[in-house]
Amino acid sequence: LMYTFKITPEWNHIFKENKKMDVLLTSKESYLDLFI
């Protein structure tokens, strides 16, 4: 029950946020490198 209703949704949310942040940081670093 914990894994189905609590852990899985929370981890999915964390993984999505991590992916968004990675993409955002990567794009920012890429743009900053290109600017320099």
PDB file of all heavy atoms in Angstrom:
ATOM      1  N   LEU A   1       0.830  -1.220   0.000  1.00  0.00           N
ATOM      2  CA  LEU A   1       0.000   0.000   0.000  1.00  0.00           C
ATOM      3  C   LEU A   1       0.856   1.259   0.000  1.00  0.00           C
ATOM      4  O   LEU A   1       0.560   2.229  -0.704  1.00  0.00           O
ATOM      5  CB  LEU A   1      -0.936  -0.017   1.216  1.00  0.00           C
ATOM      6  CG  LEU A   1      -2.019  -1.099   1.210  1.00  0.00           C
ATOM      7  CD1 LEU A   1      -2.797  -1.080   2.524  1.00  0.00           C
ATOM      8  CD2 LEU A   1      -2.972  -0.903   0.030  1.00  0.00           C
ATOM      9  N   MET A   2       1.908   1.227   0.801  1.00  0.00           N
ATOM     10  CA  MET A   2       2.806   2.396   0.848  1.00  0.00           C
ATOM     11  C   MET A   2       3.447   2.639  -0.509  1.00  0.00           C
ATOM     12  O   MET A   2       3.526   3.779  -0.993  1.00  0.00           O
ATOM     13  CB  MET A   2       3.905   2.179   1.895  1.00  0.00           C
ATOM     14  CG  MET A   2       3.448   2.341   3.325  1.00  0.00           C
ATOM     15  SD  MET A   2       4.792   1.953   4.461  1.00  0.00           S
ATOM     16  CE  MET A   2       6.045   3.065   3.907  1.00  0.00           C
ATOM     17  N   TYR A   3       3.903   1.594  -1.135  1.00  0.00           N
ATOM     18  CA  TYR A   3       4.597   1.740  -2.413  1.00  0.00           C
ATOM     19  C   TYR A   3       3.629   2.215  -3.500  1.00  0.00           C
ATOM     20  O   TYR A   3       3.984   3.037  -4.346  1.00  0.00           O
ATOM     21  CB  TYR A   3       5.218   0.395  -2.814  1.00  0.00           C
ATOM     22  CG  TYR A   3       6.093   0.495  -4.037  1.00  0.00           C
ATOM     23  CD1 TYR A   3       7.411   0.971  -3.942  1.00  0.00           C
ATOM     24  CD2 TYR A   3       5.606   0.148  -5.289  1.00  0.00           C
ATOM     25  CE1 TYR A   3       8.216   1.070  -5.063  1.00  0.00           C
ATOM     26  CE2 TYR A   3       6.400   0.255  -6.424  1.00  0.00           C
ATOM     27  CZ  TYR A   3       7.703   0.717  -6.300  1.00  0.00           C
ATOM     28  OH  TYR A   3       8.493   0.818  -7.418  1.00  0.00           O
ATOM     29  N   THR A   4       2.371   1.696  -3.454  1.00  0.00           N
ATOM     30  CA  THR A   4       1.410   2.014  -4.513  1.00  0.00           C
ATOM     31  C   THR A   4       0.871   3.431  -4.386  1.00  0.00           C
ATOM     32  O   THR A   4       0.802   4.170  -5.371  1.00  0.00           O
ATOM     33  CB  THR A   4       0.241   1.013  -4.480  1.00  0.00           C
ATOM     34  OG1 THR A   4       0.773  -0.311  -4.620  1.00  0.00           O
ATOM     35  CG2 THR A   4      -0.739   1.289  -5.610  1.00  0.00           C
ATOM     36  N   PHE A   5       0.461   3.816  -3.171  1.00  0.00           N
ATOM     37  CA  PHE A   5      -0.270   5.081  -3.021  1.00  0.00           C
ATOM     38  C   PHE A   5       0.575   6.249  -2.509  1.00  0.00           C
ATOM     39  O   PHE A   5       0.178   7.394  -2.628  1.00  0.00           O
ATOM     40  CB  PHE A   5      -1.466   4.866  -2.066  1.00  0.00           C
ATOM     41  CG  PHE A   5      -2.473   3.902  -2.604  1.00  0.00           C
ATOM     42  CD1 PHE A   5      -2.543   2.608  -2.102  1.00  0.00           C
ATOM     43  CD2 PHE A   5      -3.333   4.269  -3.622  1.00  0.00           C
ATOM     44  CE1 PHE A   5      -3.473   1.706  -2.599  1.00  0.00           C
ATOM     45  CE2 PHE A   5      -4.270   3.373  -4.114  1.00  0.00           C
ATOM     46  CZ  PHE A   5      -4.336   2.084  -3.610  1.00  0.00           C
ATOM     47  N   LYS A   6       1.704   5.950  -1.930  1.00  0.00           N
ATOM     48  CA  LYS A   6       2.516   7.027  -1.347  1.00  0.00           C
ATOM     49  C   LYS A   6       3.852   7.189  -2.077  1.00  0.00           C
ATOM     50  O   LYS A   6       4.175   8.275  -2.574  1.00  0.00           O
ATOM     51  CB  LYS A   6       2.750   6.731   0.146  1.00  0.00           C
ATOM     52  CG  LYS A   6       3.720   7.695   0.828  1.00  0.00           C
ATOM     53  CD  LYS A   6       3.163   9.102   0.919  1.00  0.00           C
ATOM     54  CE  LYS A   6       4.154  10.010   1.660  1.00  0.00           C
ATOM     55  NZ  LYS A   6       3.695  11.422   1.644  1.00  0.00           N
ATOM     56  N   ILE A   7       4.623   6.129  -2.120  1.00  0.00           N
ATOM     57  CA  ILE A   7       5.999   6.235  -2.598  1.00  0.00           C
ATOM     58  C   ILE A   7       6.057   6.442  -4.110  1.00  0.00           C
ATOM     59  O   ILE A   7       6.763   7.326  -4.606  1.00  0.00           O
ATOM     60  CB  ILE A   7       6.804   4.993  -2.191  1.00  0.00           C
ATOM     61  CG1 ILE A   7       6.768   4.832  -0.663  1.00  0.00           C
ATOM     62  CG2 ILE A   7       8.238   5.105  -2.691  1.00  0.00           C
ATOM     63  CD1 ILE A   7       7.269   6.039   0.085  1.00  0.00           C
ATOM     64  N   THR A   8       5.313   5.617  -4.875  1.00  0.00           N
ATOM     65  CA  THR A   8       5.400   5.705  -6.334  1.00  0.00           C
ATOM     66  C   THR A   8       5.028   7.089  -6.867  1.00  0.00           C
ATOM     67  O   THR A   8       5.775   7.668  -7.663  1.00  0.00           O
ATOM     68  CB  THR A   8       4.523   4.624  -6.989  1.00  0.00           C
ATOM     69  OG1 THR A   8       4.972   3.332  -6.554  1.00  0.00           O
ATOM     70  CG2 THR A   8       4.604   4.709  -8.510  1.00  0.00           C
ATOM     71  N   PRO A   9       3.867   7.683  -6.459  1.00  0.00           N
ATOM     72  CA  PRO A   9       3.552   9.036  -6.958  1.00  0.00           C
ATOM     73  C   PRO A   9       4.592  10.079  -6.548  1.00  0.00           C
ATOM     74  O   PRO A   9       4.947  10.955  -7.341  1.00  0.00           O
ATOM     75  CB  PRO A   9       2.188   9.331  -6.314  1.00  0.00           C
ATOM     76  CG  PRO A   9       1.610   8.000  -5.992  1.00  0.00           C
ATOM     77  CD  PRO A   9       2.779   7.142  -5.636  1.00  0.00           C
ATOM     78  N   GLU A  10       5.060   9.941  -5.291  1.00  0.00           N
ATOM     79  CA  GLU A  10       6.037  10.923  -4.821  1.00  0.00           C
ATOM     80  C   GLU A  10       7.355  10.817  -5.591  1.00  0.00           C
ATOM     81  O   GLU A  10       7.936  11.825  -6.002  1.00  0.00           O
ATOM     82  CB  GLU A  10       6.283  10.730  -3.322  1.00  0.00           C
ATOM     83  CG  GLU A  10       7.211  11.778  -2.727  1.00  0.00           C
ATOM     84  CD  GLU A  10       7.355  11.619  -1.225  1.00  0.00           C
ATOM     85  OE1 GLU A  10       6.475  10.995  -0.593  1.00  0.00           O
ATOM     86  OE2 GLU A  10       8.360  12.128  -0.697  1.00  0.00           O
ATOM     87  N   TRP A  11       7.815   9.599  -5.820  1.00  0.00           N
ATOM     88  CA  TRP A  11       9.071   9.427  -6.549  1.00  0.00           C
ATOM     89  C   TRP A  11       8.929   9.834  -8.011  1.00  0.00           C
ATOM     90  O   TRP A  11       9.843  10.398  -8.595  1.00  0.00           O
ATOM     91  CB  TRP A  11       9.528   7.971  -6.453  1.00  0.00           C
ATOM     92  CG  TRP A  11      10.134   7.666  -5.114  1.00  0.00           C
ATOM     93  CD1 TRP A  11      10.254   8.496  -4.060  1.00  0.00           C
ATOM     94  CD2 TRP A  11      10.695   6.404  -4.712  1.00  0.00           C
ATOM     95  NE1 TRP A  11      10.844   7.863  -2.996  1.00  0.00           N
ATOM     96  CE2 TRP A  11      11.145   6.556  -3.375  1.00  0.00           C
ATOM     97  CE3 TRP A  11      10.857   5.172  -5.325  1.00  0.00           C
ATOM     98  CZ2 TRP A  11      11.740   5.538  -2.659  1.00  0.00           C
ATOM     99  CZ3 TRP A  11      11.456   4.148  -4.620  1.00  0.00           C
ATOM    100  CH2 TRP A  11      11.891   4.336  -3.300  1.00  0.00           C
ATOM    101  N   ASN A  12       7.751   9.538  -8.601  1.00  0.00           N
ATOM    102  CA  ASN A  12       7.528   9.986  -9.977  1.00  0.00           C
ATOM    103  C   ASN A  12       7.600  11.510 -10.084  1.00  0.00           C
ATOM    104  O   ASN A  12       8.167  12.058 -11.038  1.00  0.00           O
ATOM    105  CB  ASN A  12       6.168   9.489 -10.480  1.00  0.00           C
ATOM    106  CG  ASN A  12       6.174   7.987 -10.761  1.00  0.00           C
ATOM    107  OD1 ASN A  12       7.238   7.397 -10.982  1.00  0.00           O
ATOM    108  ND2 ASN A  12       5.002   7.377 -10.745  1.00  0.00           N
ATOM    109  N   HIS A  13       7.004  12.154  -9.067  1.00  0.00           N
ATOM    110  CA  HIS A  13       7.051  13.624  -9.050  1.00  0.00           C
ATOM    111  C   HIS A  13       8.493  14.118  -8.899  1.00  0.00           C
ATOM    112  O   HIS A  13       8.924  15.054  -9.598  1.00  0.00           O
ATOM    113  CB  HIS A  13       6.180  14.137  -7.898  1.00  0.00           C
ATOM    114  CG  HIS A  13       6.242  15.630  -7.729  1.00  0.00           C
ATOM    115  ND1 HIS A  13       5.648  16.505  -8.621  1.00  0.00           N
ATOM    116  CD2 HIS A  13       6.851  16.398  -6.777  1.00  0.00           C
ATOM    117  CE1 HIS A  13       5.875  17.747  -8.228  1.00  0.00           C
ATOM    118  NE2 HIS A  13       6.588  17.704  -7.105  1.00  0.00           N
ATOM    119  N   ILE A  14       9.242  13.461  -8.002  1.00  0.00           N
ATOM    120  CA  ILE A  14      10.645  13.859  -7.782  1.00  0.00           C
ATOM    121  C   ILE A  14      11.469  13.650  -9.051  1.00  0.00           C
ATOM    122  O   ILE A  14      12.251  14.508  -9.457  1.00  0.00           O
ATOM    123  CB  ILE A  14      11.246  13.063  -6.612  1.00  0.00           C
ATOM    124  CG1 ILE A  14      10.600  13.511  -5.289  1.00  0.00           C
ATOM    125  CG2 ILE A  14      12.756  13.258  -6.543  1.00  0.00           C
ATOM    126  CD1 ILE A  14      10.995  12.673  -4.100  1.00  0.00           C
ATOM    127  N   PHE A  15      11.249  12.497  -9.707  1.00  0.00           N
ATOM    128  CA  PHE A  15      12.017  12.218 -10.919  1.00  0.00           C
ATOM    129  C   PHE A  15      11.690  13.218 -12.031  1.00  0.00           C
ATOM    130  O   PHE A  15      12.576  13.662 -12.772  1.00  0.00           O
ATOM    131  CB  PHE A  15      11.756  10.795 -11.398  1.00  0.00           C
ATOM    132  CG  PHE A  15      12.292   9.733 -10.477  1.00  0.00           C
ATOM    133  CD1 PHE A  15      11.656   8.515 -10.337  1.00  0.00           C
ATOM    134  CD2 PHE A  15      13.446   9.978  -9.735  1.00  0.00           C
ATOM    135  CE1 PHE A  15      12.156   7.548  -9.477  1.00  0.00           C
ATOM    136  CE2 PHE A  15      13.956   9.009  -8.876  1.00  0.00           C
ATOM    137  CZ  PHE A  15      13.313   7.789  -8.746  1.00  0.00           C
ATOM    138  N   LYS A  16      10.407  13.586 -12.139  1.00  0.00           N
ATOM    139  CA  LYS A  16      10.020  14.576 -13.151  1.00  0.00           C
ATOM    140  C   LYS A  16      10.653  15.928 -12.869  1.00  0.00           C
ATOM    141  O   LYS A  16      11.138  16.605 -13.776  1.00  0.00           O
ATOM    142  CB  LYS A  16       8.495  14.700 -13.191  1.00  0.00           C
ATOM    143  CG  LYS A  16       7.800  13.512 -13.833  1.00  0.00           C
ATOM    144  CD  LYS A  16       6.295  13.702 -13.828  1.00  0.00           C
ATOM    145  CE  LYS A  16       5.581  12.497 -14.440  1.00  0.00           C
ATOM    146  NZ  LYS A  16       4.109  12.645 -14.413  1.00  0.00           N
ATOM    147  N   GLU A  17      10.613  16.322 -11.581  1.00  0.00           N
ATOM    148  CA  GLU A  17      11.223  17.597 -11.207  1.00  0.00           C
ATOM    149  C   GLU A  17      12.725  17.585 -11.465  1.00  0.00           C
ATOM    150  O   GLU A  17      13.303  18.558 -11.941  1.00  0.00           O
ATOM    151  CB  GLU A  17      10.947  17.901  -9.729  1.00  0.00           C
ATOM    152  CG  GLU A  17       9.505  18.255  -9.418  1.00  0.00           C
ATOM    153  CD  GLU A  17       9.088  19.534 -10.119  1.00  0.00           C
ATOM    154  OE1 GLU A  17       9.882  20.498 -10.145  1.00  0.00           O
ATOM    155  OE2 GLU A  17       7.965  19.563 -10.660  1.00  0.00           O
ATOM    156  N   ASN A  18      13.353  16.456 -11.122  1.00  0.00           N
ATOM    157  CA  ASN A  18      14.795  16.325 -11.383  1.00  0.00           C
ATOM    158  C   ASN A  18      15.100  16.439 -12.876  1.00  0.00           C
ATOM    159  O   ASN A  18      16.065  17.096 -13.275  1.00  0.00           O
ATOM    160  CB  ASN A  18      15.311  14.981 -10.871  1.00  0.00           C
ATOM    161  CG  ASN A  18      15.572  15.016  -9.374  1.00  0.00           C
ATOM    162  OD1 ASN A  18      15.746  16.083  -8.811  1.00  0.00           O
ATOM    163  ND2 ASN A  18      15.566  13.864  -8.746  1.00  0.00           N
ATOM    164  N   LYS A  19      14.249  15.799 -13.695  1.00  0.00           N
ATOM    165  CA  LYS A  19      14.472  15.847 -15.136  1.00  0.00           C
ATOM    166  C   LYS A  19      14.311  17.263 -15.663  1.00  0.00           C
ATOM    167  O   LYS A  19      15.103  17.736 -16.488  1.00  0.00           O
ATOM    168  CB  LYS A  19      13.487  14.903 -15.829  1.00  0.00           C
ATOM    169  CG  LYS A  19      13.783  14.716 -17.305  1.00  0.00           C
ATOM    170  CD  LYS A  19      12.882  13.650 -17.905  1.00  0.00           C
ATOM    171  CE  LYS A  19      13.226  13.452 -19.379  1.00  0.00           C
ATOM    172  NZ  LYS A  19      12.377  12.410 -19.999  1.00  0.00           N
ATOM    173  N   LYS A  20      13.266  17.959 -15.162  1.00  0.00           N
ATOM    174  CA  LYS A  20      13.063  19.347 -15.581  1.00  0.00           C
ATOM    175  C   LYS A  20      14.250  20.216 -15.192  1.00  0.00           C
ATOM    176  O   LYS A  20      14.724  21.041 -15.978  1.00  0.00           O
ATOM    177  CB  LYS A  20      11.786  19.905 -14.940  1.00  0.00           C
ATOM    178  CG  LYS A  20      10.507  19.354 -15.534  1.00  0.00           C
ATOM    179  CD  LYS A  20       9.296  19.974 -14.845  1.00  0.00           C
ATOM    180  CE  LYS A  20       7.992  19.422 -15.393  1.00  0.00           C
ATOM    181  NZ  LYS A  20       6.816  19.990 -14.680  1.00  0.00           N
ATOM    182  N   MET A  21      14.701  20.041 -13.948  1.00  0.00           N
ATOM    183  CA  MET A  21      15.832  20.845 -13.470  1.00  0.00           C
ATOM    184  C   MET A  21      17.098  20.541 -14.258  1.00  0.00           C
ATOM    185  O   MET A  21      17.867  21.443 -14.591  1.00  0.00           O
ATOM    186  CB  MET A  21      16.064  20.582 -11.984  1.00  0.00           C
ATOM    187  CG  MET A  21      14.967  21.139 -11.076  1.00  0.00           C
ATOM    188  SD  MET A  21      14.834  22.931 -11.172  1.00  0.00           S
ATOM    189  CE  MET A  21      16.381  23.430 -10.453  1.00  0.00           C
ATOM    190  N   ASP A  22      17.317  19.249 -14.565  1.00  0.00           N
ATOM    191  CA  ASP A  22      18.504  18.886 -15.352  1.00  0.00           C
ATOM    192  C   ASP A  22      18.472  19.535 -16.725  1.00  0.00           C
ATOM    193  O   ASP A  22      19.473  20.077 -17.204  1.00  0.00           O
ATOM    194  CB  ASP A  22      18.601  17.367 -15.488  1.00  0.00           C
ATOM    195  CG  ASP A  22      18.997  16.692 -14.184  1.00  0.00           C
ATOM    196  OD1 ASP A  22      19.533  17.402 -13.313  1.00  0.00           O
ATOM    197  OD2 ASP A  22      18.762  15.477 -14.040  1.00  0.00           O
ATOM    198  N   VAL A  23      17.274  19.468 -17.367  1.00  0.00           N
ATOM    199  CA  VAL A  23      17.140  20.079 -18.699  1.00  0.00           C
ATOM    200  C   VAL A  23      17.351  21.579 -18.619  1.00  0.00           C
ATOM    201  O   VAL A  23      18.041  22.183 -19.443  1.00  0.00           O
ATOM    202  CB  VAL A  23      15.754  19.748 -19.300  1.00  0.00           C
ATOM    203  CG1 VAL A  23      15.518  20.559 -20.573  1.00  0.00           C
ATOM    204  CG2 VAL A  23      15.639  18.262 -19.576  1.00  0.00           C
ATOM    205  N   LEU A  24      16.745  22.200 -17.569  1.00  0.00           N
ATOM    206  CA  LEU A  24      16.860  23.645 -17.413  1.00  0.00           C
ATOM    207  C   LEU A  24      18.304  24.056 -17.158  1.00  0.00           C
ATOM    208  O   LEU A  24      18.817  24.996 -17.779  1.00  0.00           O
ATOM    209  CB  LEU A  24      15.960  24.110 -16.259  1.00  0.00           C
ATOM    210  CG  LEU A  24      15.871  25.628 -16.031  1.00  0.00           C
ATOM    211  CD1 LEU A  24      15.302  26.315 -17.260  1.00  0.00           C
ATOM    212  CD2 LEU A  24      15.006  25.926 -14.810  1.00  0.00           C
ATOM    213  N   LEU A  25      18.959  23.330 -16.246  1.00  0.00           N
ATOM    214  CA  LEU A  25      20.355  23.670 -15.941  1.00  0.00           C
ATOM    215  C   LEU A  25      21.255  23.438 -17.147  1.00  0.00           C
ATOM    216  O   LEU A  25      22.154  24.230 -17.431  1.00  0.00           O
ATOM    217  CB  LEU A  25      20.838  22.831 -14.750  1.00  0.00           C
ATOM    218  CG  LEU A  25      20.268  23.219 -13.375  1.00  0.00           C
ATOM    219  CD1 LEU A  25      20.699  22.201 -12.327  1.00  0.00           C
ATOM    220  CD2 LEU A  25      20.724  24.606 -12.971  1.00  0.00           C
ATOM    221  N   THR A  26      20.987  22.332 -17.854  1.00  0.00           N
ATOM    222  CA  THR A  26      21.798  22.049 -19.033  1.00  0.00           C
ATOM    223  C   THR A  26      21.627  23.130 -20.085  1.00  0.00           C
ATOM    224  O   THR A  26      22.599  23.596 -20.686  1.00  0.00           O
ATOM    225  CB  THR A  26      21.414  20.680 -19.618  1.00  0.00           C
ATOM    226  OG1 THR A  26      21.588  19.685 -18.614  1.00  0.00           O
ATOM    227  CG2 THR A  26      22.274  20.342 -20.826  1.00  0.00           C
ATOM    228  N   SER A  27      20.360  23.547 -20.311  1.00  0.00           N
ATOM    229  CA  SER A  27      20.118  24.579 -21.319  1.00  0.00           C
ATOM    230  C   SER A  27      20.718  25.905 -20.885  1.00  0.00           C
ATOM    231  O   SER A  27      21.300  26.628 -21.697  1.00  0.00           O
ATOM    232  CB  SER A  27      18.616  24.737 -21.567  1.00  0.00           C
ATOM    233  OG  SER A  27      17.950  25.156 -20.375  1.00  0.00           O
ATOM    234  N   LYS A  28      20.609  26.244 -19.591  1.00  0.00           N
ATOM    235  CA  LYS A  28      21.195  27.494 -19.106  1.00  0.00           C
ATOM    236  C   LYS A  28      22.709  27.480 -19.263  1.00  0.00           C
ATOM    237  O   LYS A  28      23.308  28.453 -19.720  1.00  0.00           O
ATOM    238  CB  LYS A  28      20.821  27.703 -17.628  1.00  0.00           C
ATOM    239  CG  LYS A  28      19.417  28.221 -17.410  1.00  0.00           C
ATOM    240  CD  LYS A  28      19.159  28.487 -15.936  1.00  0.00           C
ATOM    241  CE  LYS A  28      17.777  29.077 -15.704  1.00  0.00           C
ATOM    242  NZ  LYS A  28      17.511  29.328 -14.276  1.00  0.00           N
ATOM    243  N   GLU A  29      23.321  26.365 -18.868  1.00  0.00           N
ATOM    244  CA  GLU A  29      24.774  26.265 -18.995  1.00  0.00           C
ATOM    245  C   GLU A  29      25.196  26.316 -20.459  1.00  0.00           C
ATOM    246  O   GLU A  29      26.197  26.948 -20.809  1.00  0.00           O
ATOM    247  CB  GLU A  29      25.261  24.964 -18.346  1.00  0.00           C
ATOM    248  CG  GLU A  29      25.147  24.974 -16.825  1.00  0.00           C
ATOM    249  CD  GLU A  29      25.519  23.632 -16.224  1.00  0.00           C
ATOM    250  OE1 GLU A  29      25.813  22.710 -17.009  1.00  0.00           O
ATOM    251  OE2 GLU A  29      25.501  23.506 -14.990  1.00  0.00           O
ATOM    252  N   SER A  30      24.394  25.679 -21.328  1.00  0.00           N
ATOM    253  CA  SER A  30      24.729  25.695 -22.750  1.00  0.00           C
ATOM    254  C   SER A  30      24.631  27.099 -23.312  1.00  0.00           C
ATOM    255  O   SER A  30      25.510  27.556 -24.049  1.00  0.00           O
ATOM    256  CB  SER A  30      23.795  24.761 -23.517  1.00  0.00           C
ATOM    257  OG  SER A  30      23.933  23.432 -23.059  1.00  0.00           O
ATOM    258  N   TYR A  31      23.529  27.801 -22.954  1.00  0.00           N
ATOM    259  CA  TYR A  31      23.366  29.168 -23.436  1.00  0.00           C
ATOM    260  C   TYR A  31      24.458  30.075 -22.893  1.00  0.00           C
ATOM    261  O   TYR A  31      24.971  30.945 -23.608  1.00  0.00           O
ATOM    262  CB  TYR A  31      21.993  29.710 -23.033  1.00  0.00           C
ATOM    263  CG  TYR A  31      20.846  29.109 -23.810  1.00  0.00           C
ATOM    264  CD1 TYR A  31      19.660  28.751 -23.182  1.00  0.00           C
ATOM    265  CD2 TYR A  31      20.956  28.898 -25.189  1.00  0.00           C
ATOM    266  CE1 TYR A  31      18.611  28.193 -23.894  1.00  0.00           C
ATOM    267  CE2 TYR A  31      19.911  28.332 -25.903  1.00  0.00           C
ATOM    268  CZ  TYR A  31      18.736  27.990 -25.254  1.00  0.00           C
ATOM    269  OH  TYR A  31      17.712  27.440 -25.955  1.00  0.00           O
ATOM    270  N   LEU A  32      24.818  29.862 -21.615  1.00  0.00           N
ATOM    271  CA  LEU A  32      25.869  30.686 -21.015  1.00  0.00           C
ATOM    272  C   LEU A  32      27.210  30.423 -21.690  1.00  0.00           C
ATOM    273  O   LEU A  32      27.956  31.359 -21.998  1.00  0.00           O
ATOM    274  CB  LEU A  32      25.966  30.393 -19.513  1.00  0.00           C
ATOM    275  CG  LEU A  32      26.949  31.260 -18.711  1.00  0.00           C
ATOM    276  CD1 LEU A  32      26.575  32.726 -18.823  1.00  0.00           C
ATOM    277  CD2 LEU A  32      26.968  30.830 -17.247  1.00  0.00           C
ATOM    278  N   ASP A  33      27.500  29.151 -21.962  1.00  0.00           N
ATOM    279  CA  ASP A  33      28.743  28.814 -22.664  1.00  0.00           C
ATOM    280  C   ASP A  33      28.767  29.418 -24.057  1.00  0.00           C
ATOM    281  O   ASP A  33      29.788  29.949 -24.507  1.00  0.00           O
ATOM    282  CB  ASP A  33      28.910  27.295 -22.751  1.00  0.00           C
ATOM    283  CG  ASP A  33      29.223  26.671 -21.400  1.00  0.00           C
ATOM    284  OD1 ASP A  33      29.661  27.422 -20.508  1.00  0.00           O
ATOM    285  OD2 ASP A  33      29.014  25.462 -21.232  1.00  0.00           O
ATOM    286  N   LEU A  34      27.622  29.334 -24.764  1.00  0.00           N
ATOM    287  CA  LEU A  34      27.542  29.913 -26.100  1.00  0.00           C
ATOM    288  C   LEU A  34      27.725  31.427 -26.067  1.00  0.00           C
ATOM    289  O   LEU A  34      28.392  32.008 -26.932  1.00  0.00           O
ATOM    290  CB  LEU A  34      26.191  29.567 -26.749  1.00  0.00           C
ATOM    291  CG  LEU A  34      26.011  28.110 -27.192  1.00  0.00           C
ATOM    292  CD1 LEU A  34      24.581  27.866 -27.642  1.00  0.00           C
ATOM    293  CD2 LEU A  34      26.976  27.770 -28.316  1.00  0.00           C
ATOM    294  N   PHE A  35      27.120  32.057 -25.045  1.00  0.00           N
ATOM    295  CA  PHE A  35      27.258  33.514 -24.903  1.00  0.00           C
ATOM    296  C   PHE A  35      28.720  33.903 -24.707  1.00  0.00           C
ATOM    297  O   PHE A  35      29.223  34.834 -25.346  1.00  0.00           O
ATOM    298  CB  PHE A  35      26.408  33.992 -23.721  1.00  0.00           C
ATOM    299  CG  PHE A  35      26.711  35.401 -23.289  1.00  0.00           C
ATOM    300  CD1 PHE A  35      26.286  36.482 -24.035  1.00  0.00           C
ATOM    301  CD2 PHE A  35      27.464  35.636 -22.147  1.00  0.00           C
ATOM    302  CE1 PHE A  35      26.588  37.775 -23.655  1.00  0.00           C
ATOM    303  CE2 PHE A  35      27.767  36.929 -21.746  1.00  0.00           C
ATOM    304  CZ  PHE A  35      27.318  38.000 -22.507  1.00  0.00           C
ATOM    305  N   ILE A  36      29.410  33.179 -23.829  1.00  0.00           N
ATOM    306  CA  ILE A  36      30.818  33.500 -23.550  1.00  0.00           C
ATOM    307  C   ILE A  36      31.675  33.229 -24.784  1.00  0.00           C
ATOM    308  O   ILE A  36      32.542  34.033 -25.143  1.00  0.00           O
ATOM    309  CB  ILE A  36      31.314  32.681 -22.344  1.00  0.00           C
ATOM    310  CG1 ILE A  36      30.596  33.141 -21.065  1.00  0.00           C
ATOM    311  CG2 ILE A  36      32.823  32.811 -22.175  1.00  0.00           C
ATOM    312  CD1 ILE A  36      30.892  32.306 -19.841  1.00  0.00           C
TER     313      ILE A  36
END
